[in-house]
C-alpha atoms as a PDB file:
ATOM      1  CA  MET A   1     -11.625 -25.065   0.844  1.00  0.00           C
ATOM      2  CA  LYS A   2      -9.443 -27.934   2.025  1.00  0.00           C
ATOM      3  CA  LEU A   3      -6.073 -28.285   0.355  1.00  0.00           C
ATOM      4  CA  ASN A   4      -4.454 -31.612  -0.375  1.00  0.00           C
ATOM      5  CA  PHE A   5      -1.120 -29.892  -0.969  1.00  0.00           C
ATOM      6  CA  SER A   6       1.561 -28.905   1.487  1.00  0.00           C
ATOM      7  CA  PHE A   7       3.403 -25.621   1.058  1.00  0.00           C
ATOM      8  CA  GLU A   8       6.373 -27.625  -0.301  1.00  0.00           C
ATOM      9  CA  LYS A   9       4.235 -29.316  -2.946  1.00  0.00           C
ATOM     10  CA  ILE A  10       2.630 -26.023  -3.927  1.00  0.00           C
ATOM     11  CA  TYR A  11       6.036 -24.450  -4.519  1.00  0.00           C
ATOM     12  CA  ASP A  12       7.312 -27.546  -6.321  1.00  0.00           C
ATOM     13  CA  GLN A  13       4.267 -27.530  -8.621  1.00  0.00           C
ATOM     14  CA  TYR A  14       4.772 -23.797  -9.216  1.00  0.00           C
ATOM     15  CA  LYS A  15       8.437 -24.279 -10.149  1.00  0.00           C
ATOM     16  CA  LYS A  16       7.467 -27.043 -12.573  1.00  0.00           C
ATOM     17  CA  GLY A  17       4.902 -24.769 -14.226  1.00  0.00           C
ATOM     18  CA  MET A  18       1.974 -26.883 -13.081  1.00  0.00           C
ATOM     19  CA  PHE A  19       0.678 -24.160 -10.759  1.00  0.00           C
ATOM     20  CA  GLY A  20       0.314 -20.557 -11.868  1.00  0.00           C
ATOM     21  CA  ARG A  21       1.534 -17.733  -9.655  1.00  0.00           C
ATOM     22  CA  GLU A  22      -2.019 -16.711  -8.732  1.00  0.00           C
ATOM     23  CA  SER A  23      -3.020 -20.276  -7.835  1.00  0.00           C
ATOM     24  CA  ALA A  24       0.111 -20.709  -5.743  1.00  0.00           C
ATOM     25  CA  PHE A  25      -0.552 -17.361  -4.035  1.00  0.00           C
ATOM     26  CA  GLN A  26      -4.160 -18.264  -3.214  1.00  0.00           C
ATOM     27  CA  SER A  27      -3.196 -21.712  -1.928  1.00  0.00           C
ATOM     28  CA  LEU A  28      -0.394 -20.405   0.283  1.00  0.00           C
ATOM     29  CA  LYS A  29      -2.627 -17.606   1.504  1.00  0.00           C
ATOM     30  CA  TRP A  30      -5.227 -20.188   2.516  1.00  0.00           C
ATOM     31  CA  ILE A  31      -2.615 -22.158   4.469  1.00  0.00           C
ATOM     32  CA  ILE A  32      -1.342 -19.018   6.221  1.00  0.00           C
ATOM     33  CA  GLU A  33      -4.861 -17.991   7.191  1.00  0.00           C
ATOM     34  CA  ASN A  34      -6.163 -21.423   8.237  1.00  0.00           C
ATOM     35  CA  ASP A  35      -3.453 -23.838   9.318  1.00  0.00           C
ATOM     36  CA  PRO A  36      -3.274 -24.222  13.113  1.00  0.00           C
ATOM     37  CA  ASN A  37       0.463 -25.017  12.982  1.00  0.00           C
ATOM     38  CA  ASP A  38       2.510 -21.806  13.210  1.00  0.00           C
ATOM     39  CA  ASP A  39       5.614 -23.497  11.763  1.00  0.00           C
ATOM     40  CA  VAL A  40       3.641 -24.406   8.636  1.00  0.00           C
ATOM     41  CA  ARG A  41       2.254 -20.860   8.421  1.00  0.00           C
ATOM     42  CA  VAL A  42       5.723 -19.291   8.730  1.00  0.00           C
ATOM     43  CA  SER A  43       7.187 -21.672   6.142  1.00  0.00           C
ATOM     44  CA  SER A  44       4.278 -20.860   3.831  1.00  0.00           C
ATOM     45  CA  ILE A  45       4.853 -17.110   4.021  1.00  0.00           C
ATOM     46  CA  LYS A  46       8.541 -17.654   3.280  1.00  0.00           C
ATOM     47  CA  ILE A  47       7.553 -19.655   0.185  1.00  0.00           C
ATOM     48  CA  LEU A  48       5.116 -16.873  -0.708  1.00  0.00           C
ATOM     49  CA  GLY A  49       8.082 -14.501  -0.701  1.00  0.00           C
ATOM     50  CA  ARG A  50       9.822 -16.667  -3.306  1.00  0.00           C
ATOM     51  CA  LEU A  51       6.936 -16.099  -5.730  1.00  0.00           C
ATOM     52  CA  LYS A  52       7.999 -12.437  -6.028  1.00  0.00           C
ATOM     53  CA  ILE A  53       4.454 -11.122  -6.260  1.00  0.00           C
ATOM     54  CA  ASN A  54       4.206  -7.345  -6.052  1.00  0.00           C
ATOM     55  CA  GLY A  55       0.524  -6.692  -6.714  1.00  0.00           C
ATOM     56  CA  VAL A  56      -2.090  -4.946  -4.606  1.00  0.00           C
ATOM     57  CA  GLU A  57      -3.581  -8.186  -3.290  1.00  0.00           C
ATOM     58  CA  MET A  58      -0.178  -9.305  -1.999  1.00  0.00           C
ATOM     59  CA  TYR A  59       0.448  -5.932  -0.351  1.00  0.00           C
ATOM     60  CA  ASN A  60      -2.974  -5.949   1.293  1.00  0.00           C
ATOM     61  CA  PHE A  61      -2.480  -9.500   2.552  1.00  0.00           C
ATOM     62  CA  LEU A  62       0.942  -8.723   4.023  1.00  0.00           C
ATOM     63  CA  GLU A  63      -0.397  -5.553   5.602  1.00  0.00           C
ATOM     64  CA  TYR A  64      -3.250  -7.528   7.148  1.00  0.00           C
ATOM     65  CA  LEU A  65      -0.802 -10.048   8.593  1.00  0.00           C
ATOM     66  CA  VAL A  66       1.391  -7.304  10.052  1.00  0.00           C
ATOM     67  CA  LEU A  67      -1.565  -5.657  11.735  1.00  0.00           C
ATOM     68  CA  PHE A  68      -3.615  -8.617  12.900  1.00  0.00           C
ATOM     69  CA  ASP A  69      -1.744 -11.921  12.999  1.00  0.00           C
ATOM     70  CA  SER A  70      -1.044 -13.350  16.449  1.00  0.00           C
ATOM     71  CA  ASN A  71       2.350 -14.847  15.533  1.00  0.00           C
ATOM     72  CA  THR A  72       5.162 -12.345  16.076  1.00  0.00           C
ATOM     73  CA  TYR A  73       7.631 -14.080  13.772  1.00  0.00           C
ATOM     74  CA  LEU A  74       5.082 -14.350  10.963  1.00  0.00           C
ATOM     75  CA  ARG A  75       4.431 -10.598  11.299  1.00  0.00           C
ATOM     76  CA  PHE A  76       8.193 -10.000  11.127  1.00  0.00           C
ATOM     77  CA  VAL A  77       8.490 -12.033   7.910  1.00  0.00           C
ATOM     78  CA  ALA A  78       5.517 -10.130   6.463  1.00  0.00           C
ATOM     79  CA  VAL A  79       7.256  -6.810   7.230  1.00  0.00           C
ATOM     80  CA  ARG A  80      10.447  -8.037   5.549  1.00  0.00           C
ATOM     81  CA  LEU A  81       8.488  -9.017   2.434  1.00  0.00           C
ATOM     82  CA  MET A  82       6.733  -5.649   2.383  1.00  0.00           C
ATOM     83  CA  LEU A  83      10.070  -3.842   2.585  1.00  0.00           C
ATOM     84  CA  ARG A  84      11.526  -6.023  -0.185  1.00  0.00           C
ATOM     85  CA  TYR A  85       8.651  -5.876  -2.671  1.00  0.00           C
ATOM     86  CA  PHE A  86       6.919  -2.614  -1.739  1.00  0.00           C
ATOM     87  CA  PRO A  87       9.678  -0.221  -0.619  1.00  0.00           C
ATOM     88  CA  SER A  88       7.936   2.947  -1.776  1.00  0.00           C
ATOM     89  CA  GLN A  89       4.767   2.096   0.165  1.00  0.00           C
ATOM     90  CA  CYS A  90       6.854   1.377   3.264  1.00  0.00           C
ATOM     91  CA  SER A  91       9.005   4.489   3.264  1.00  0.00           C
ATOM     92  CA  ARG A  92       8.840   6.791   6.242  1.00  0.00           C
ATOM     93  CA  PRO A  93       6.605   9.829   5.636  1.00  0.00           C
ATOM     94  CA  THR A  94       8.370  13.163   5.665  1.00  0.00           C
ATOM     95  CA  THR A  95       6.984  16.045   7.695  1.00  0.00           C
END
C-alpha cells in the first residue's frame, strides 16, 4: 500500500470530514510503520494522538511501538498517548 497523502493531508482531510477516523488511523499507522524518515513517523504519531482513538486496535498499536520501535522519541510519544487514552490499562499493579 503506497500512500499519496502526507500526514498533514490525512489530518486535514479528516478535519474536513473527507476521511473517517478509521481511515485516518490506518493511513497514519501505515506511515508510522513504513516511512524511513523518523521525523515524519514522529509527526504522524502526534497527529494520531489528535484523533482521540481509544479502541483496542489503537492500544495494541501503541503497545507494539513502545515495545519494539527503534526510535526512542517515538516510543516516548506512544507512552504518553497510552497514558492519556488508556490510563486504567497503564496503572501500576498493586501487590
